[in-house]
Amino acid sequence: MVEVDIYDIANGISLIGTCLGLFSRVPQVYRTYKTKSANDLSTQTMSINITANSCFLFYVIINGDYFIMLNCISVITLESTLIFMKNKYGKMKKTSSSTSLDEMVPVENGI
């Protein structure tokens, strides 16, 4: 029978958390790419995430934890991509309607 200790359980949970953390950013990158709108994303939050993962990347390189290193590099890449798209797309995408609500005149008496 295979014995499982608390460190094996911790490694398994760490692996699950690492995968979830990585994949949690993919839908935002995809949505930003498809809508060409990143106006509602916080550049400061993304910059903090990049800095935090860069610091953590240094730690995992020193300790040789290569799976988590791959996660850090992926998160840094995805967050950097979001910042790039935010700068590229700038403001929100315009709608297909060229009529401004300010230009619309209310119709009086059905005329």
C-alpha atoms as a PDB file:
ATOM      1  CA  MET A   1       0.000   0.000   0.000  1.00  0.00           C
ATOM      2  CA  VAL A   2       1.240   3.490  -0.890  1.00  0.00           C
ATOM      3  CA  GLU A   3       1.625   5.782   2.032  1.00  0.00           C
ATOM      4  CA  VAL A   4       0.559   9.369   1.596  1.00  0.00           C
ATOM      5  CA  ASP A   5       1.845  11.963   3.991  1.00  0.00           C
ATOM      6  CA  ILE A   6       0.820  15.568   4.534  1.00  0.00           C
ATOM      7  CA  TYR A   7       3.531  16.813   2.129  1.00  0.00           C
ATOM      8  CA  ASP A   8       2.099  14.723  -0.724  1.00  0.00           C
ATOM      9  CA  ILE A   9      -1.339  16.182  -0.034  1.00  0.00           C
ATOM     10  CA  ALA A  10       0.119  19.697   0.138  1.00  0.00           C
ATOM     11  CA  ASN A  11       1.908  19.175  -3.191  1.00  0.00           C
ATOM     12  CA  GLY A  12      -1.317  17.975  -4.795  1.00  0.00           C
ATOM     13  CA  ILE A  13      -3.277  20.942  -3.498  1.00  0.00           C
ATOM     14  CA  SER A  14      -0.478  23.263  -4.633  1.00  0.00           C
ATOM     15  CA  LEU A  15      -0.651  21.749  -8.104  1.00  0.00           C
ATOM     16  CA  ILE A  16      -4.415  22.295  -8.276  1.00  0.00           C
ATOM     17  CA  GLY A  17      -4.080  25.897  -7.043  1.00  0.00           C
ATOM     18  CA  THR A  18      -1.299  26.590  -9.519  1.00  0.00           C
ATOM     19  CA  CYS A  19      -3.395  25.327 -12.441  1.00  0.00           C
ATOM     20  CA  LEU A  20      -6.473  27.264 -11.335  1.00  0.00           C
ATOM     21  CA  GLY A  21      -4.420  30.442 -10.849  1.00  0.00           C
ATOM     22  CA  LEU A  22      -2.960  30.138 -14.311  1.00  0.00           C
ATOM     23  CA  PHE A  23      -6.203  29.339 -16.109  1.00  0.00           C
ATOM     24  CA  SER A  24      -8.117  32.068 -14.262  1.00  0.00           C
ATOM     25  CA  ARG A  25      -6.388  34.695 -16.412  1.00  0.00           C
ATOM     26  CA  VAL A  26      -7.011  33.063 -19.793  1.00  0.00           C
ATOM     27  CA  PRO A  27     -10.723  34.060 -20.092  1.00  0.00           C
ATOM     28  CA  GLN A  28      -9.861  37.732 -19.444  1.00  0.00           C
ATOM     29  CA  VAL A  29      -7.148  37.733 -22.108  1.00  0.00           C
ATOM     30  CA  TYR A  30      -9.534  36.061 -24.565  1.00  0.00           C
ATOM     31  CA  ARG A  31     -12.392  38.472 -23.774  1.00  0.00           C
ATOM     32  CA  THR A  32     -10.138  41.506 -24.105  1.00  0.00           C
ATOM     33  CA  TYR A  33      -8.834  40.228 -27.435  1.00  0.00           C
ATOM     34  CA  LYS A  34     -12.326  39.537 -28.807  1.00  0.00           C
ATOM     35  CA  THR A  35     -13.979  42.769 -27.610  1.00  0.00           C
ATOM     36  CA  LYS A  36     -10.935  44.971 -28.256  1.00  0.00           C
ATOM     37  CA  SER A  37     -11.812  46.713 -25.002  1.00  0.00           C
ATOM     38  CA  ALA A  38      -9.672  46.796 -21.885  1.00  0.00           C
ATOM     39  CA  ASN A  39     -10.891  50.060 -20.412  1.00  0.00           C
ATOM     40  CA  ASP A  40     -12.203  48.454 -17.240  1.00  0.00           C
ATOM     41  CA  LEU A  41      -8.941  46.649 -16.394  1.00  0.00           C
ATOM     42  CA  SER A  42      -6.700  48.090 -13.696  1.00  0.00           C
ATOM     43  CA  THR A  43      -3.143  48.623 -14.915  1.00  0.00           C
ATOM     44  CA  GLN A  44      -1.993  49.019 -11.316  1.00  0.00           C
ATOM     45  CA  THR A  45      -3.413  45.622 -10.307  1.00  0.00           C
ATOM     46  CA  MET A  46      -1.863  43.920 -13.311  1.00  0.00           C
ATOM     47  CA  SER A  47       1.494  45.582 -12.574  1.00  0.00           C
ATOM     48  CA  ILE A  48       1.349  44.391  -8.969  1.00  0.00           C
ATOM     49  CA  ASN A  49       0.582  40.853 -10.184  1.00  0.00           C
ATOM     50  CA  ILE A  50       3.559  40.967 -12.553  1.00  0.00           C
ATOM     51  CA  THR A  51       5.849  42.232  -9.780  1.00  0.00           C
ATOM     52  CA  ALA A  52       4.596  39.639  -7.287  1.00  0.00           C
ATOM     53  CA  ASN A  53       5.039  36.791  -9.751  1.00  0.00           C
ATOM     54  CA  SER A  54       8.488  38.070 -10.730  1.00  0.00           C
ATOM     55  CA  CYS A  55       9.545  37.976  -7.067  1.00  0.00           C
ATOM     56  CA  PHE A  56       8.036  34.529  -6.660  1.00  0.00           C
ATOM     57  CA  LEU A  57       9.754  33.427  -9.885  1.00  0.00           C
ATOM     58  CA  PHE A  58      13.132  34.325  -8.366  1.00  0.00           C
ATOM     59  CA  TYR A  59      12.271  32.222  -5.312  1.00  0.00           C
ATOM     60  CA  VAL A  60      11.215  29.162  -7.318  1.00  0.00           C
ATOM     61  CA  ILE A  61      14.285  29.379  -9.588  1.00  0.00           C
ATOM     62  CA  ILE A  62      16.537  29.295  -6.524  1.00  0.00           C
ATOM     63  CA  ASN A  63      14.579  26.349  -5.070  1.00  0.00           C
ATOM     64  CA  GLY A  64      14.257  24.508  -8.389  1.00  0.00           C
ATOM     65  CA  ASP A  65      10.471  24.131  -8.376  1.00  0.00           C
ATOM     66  CA  TYR A  66      10.099  24.043 -12.144  1.00  0.00           C
ATOM     67  CA  PHE A  67       6.341  23.463 -12.356  1.00  0.00           C
ATOM     68  CA  ILE A  68       5.595  26.579 -10.325  1.00  0.00           C
ATOM     69  CA  MET A  69       8.261  28.410 -12.347  1.00  0.00           C
ATOM     70  CA  LEU A  70       6.273  27.639 -15.497  1.00  0.00           C
ATOM     71  CA  ASN A  71       3.169  29.024 -13.804  1.00  0.00           C
ATOM     72  CA  CYS A  72       4.945  32.254 -12.810  1.00  0.00           C
ATOM     73  CA  ILE A  73       6.251  32.780 -16.326  1.00  0.00           C
ATOM     74  CA  SER A  74       2.782  32.112 -17.756  1.00  0.00           C
ATOM     75  CA  VAL A  75       1.082  34.543 -15.361  1.00  0.00           C
ATOM     76  CA  ILE A  76       3.668  37.229 -16.105  1.00  0.00           C
ATOM     77  CA  THR A  77       3.120  36.670 -19.836  1.00  0.00           C
ATOM     78  CA  LEU A  78      -0.695  36.786 -19.585  1.00  0.00           C
ATOM     79  CA  GLU A  79      -0.723  39.898 -17.366  1.00  0.00           C
ATOM     80  CA  SER A  80       1.786  41.618 -19.677  1.00  0.00           C
ATOM     81  CA  THR A  81      -0.428  40.738 -22.637  1.00  0.00           C
ATOM     82  CA  LEU A  82      -3.395  42.372 -20.899  1.00  0.00           C
ATOM     83  CA  ILE A  83      -1.386  45.547 -20.235  1.00  0.00           C
ATOM     84  CA  PHE A  84      -0.267  45.574 -23.878  1.00  0.00           C
ATOM     85  CA  MET A  85      -3.857  45.175 -25.102  1.00  0.00           C
ATOM     86  CA  LYS A  86      -5.078  47.857 -22.703  1.00  0.00           C
ATOM     87  CA  ASN A  87      -2.524  50.284 -24.129  1.00  0.00           C
ATOM     88  CA  LYS A  88      -3.237  49.200 -27.705  1.00  0.00           C
ATOM     89  CA  TYR A  89      -7.023  49.316 -27.591  1.00  0.00           C
ATOM     90  CA  GLY A  90      -7.216  52.296 -25.259  1.00  0.00           C
ATOM     91  CA  LYS A  91     -10.811  53.352 -24.992  1.00  0.00           C
ATOM     92  CA  MET A  92     -13.808  51.124 -25.333  1.00  0.00           C
ATOM     93  CA  LYS A  93     -14.755  49.928 -28.777  1.00  0.00           C
ATOM     94  CA  LYS A  94     -17.351  52.119 -30.438  1.00  0.00           C
ATOM     95  CA  THR A  95     -20.719  50.639 -31.212  1.00  0.00           C
ATOM     96  CA  SER A  96     -21.917  50.136 -34.742  1.00  0.00           C
ATOM     97  CA  SER A  97     -24.488  52.894 -34.343  1.00  0.00           C
ATOM     98  CA  SER A  98     -23.310  56.283 -35.476  1.00  0.00           C
ATOM     99  CA  THR A  99     -26.250  58.091 -33.896  1.00  0.00           C
ATOM    100  CA  SER A 100     -25.549  59.792 -30.618  1.00  0.00           C
ATOM    101  CA  LEU A 101     -28.317  59.871 -28.036  1.00  0.00           C
ATOM    102  CA  ASP A 102     -27.638  63.591 -27.584  1.00  0.00           C
ATOM    103  CA  GLU A 103     -28.470  64.193 -31.238  1.00  0.00           C
ATOM    104  CA  MET A 104     -31.839  62.462 -31.057  1.00  0.00           C
ATOM    105  CA  VAL A 105     -34.779  64.847 -30.919  1.00  0.00           C
ATOM    106  CA  PRO A 106     -37.921  63.673 -29.126  1.00  0.00           C
ATOM    107  CA  VAL A 107     -40.959  63.312 -31.353  1.00  0.00           C
ATOM    108  CA  GLU A 108     -43.823  65.608 -30.287  1.00  0.00           C
ATOM    109  CA  ASN A 109     -47.459  64.668 -30.892  1.00  0.00           C
ATOM    110  CA  GLY A 110     -46.501  61.779 -33.172  1.00  0.00           C
ATOM    111  CA  ILE A 111     -44.993  64.112 -35.796  1.00  0.00           C
END
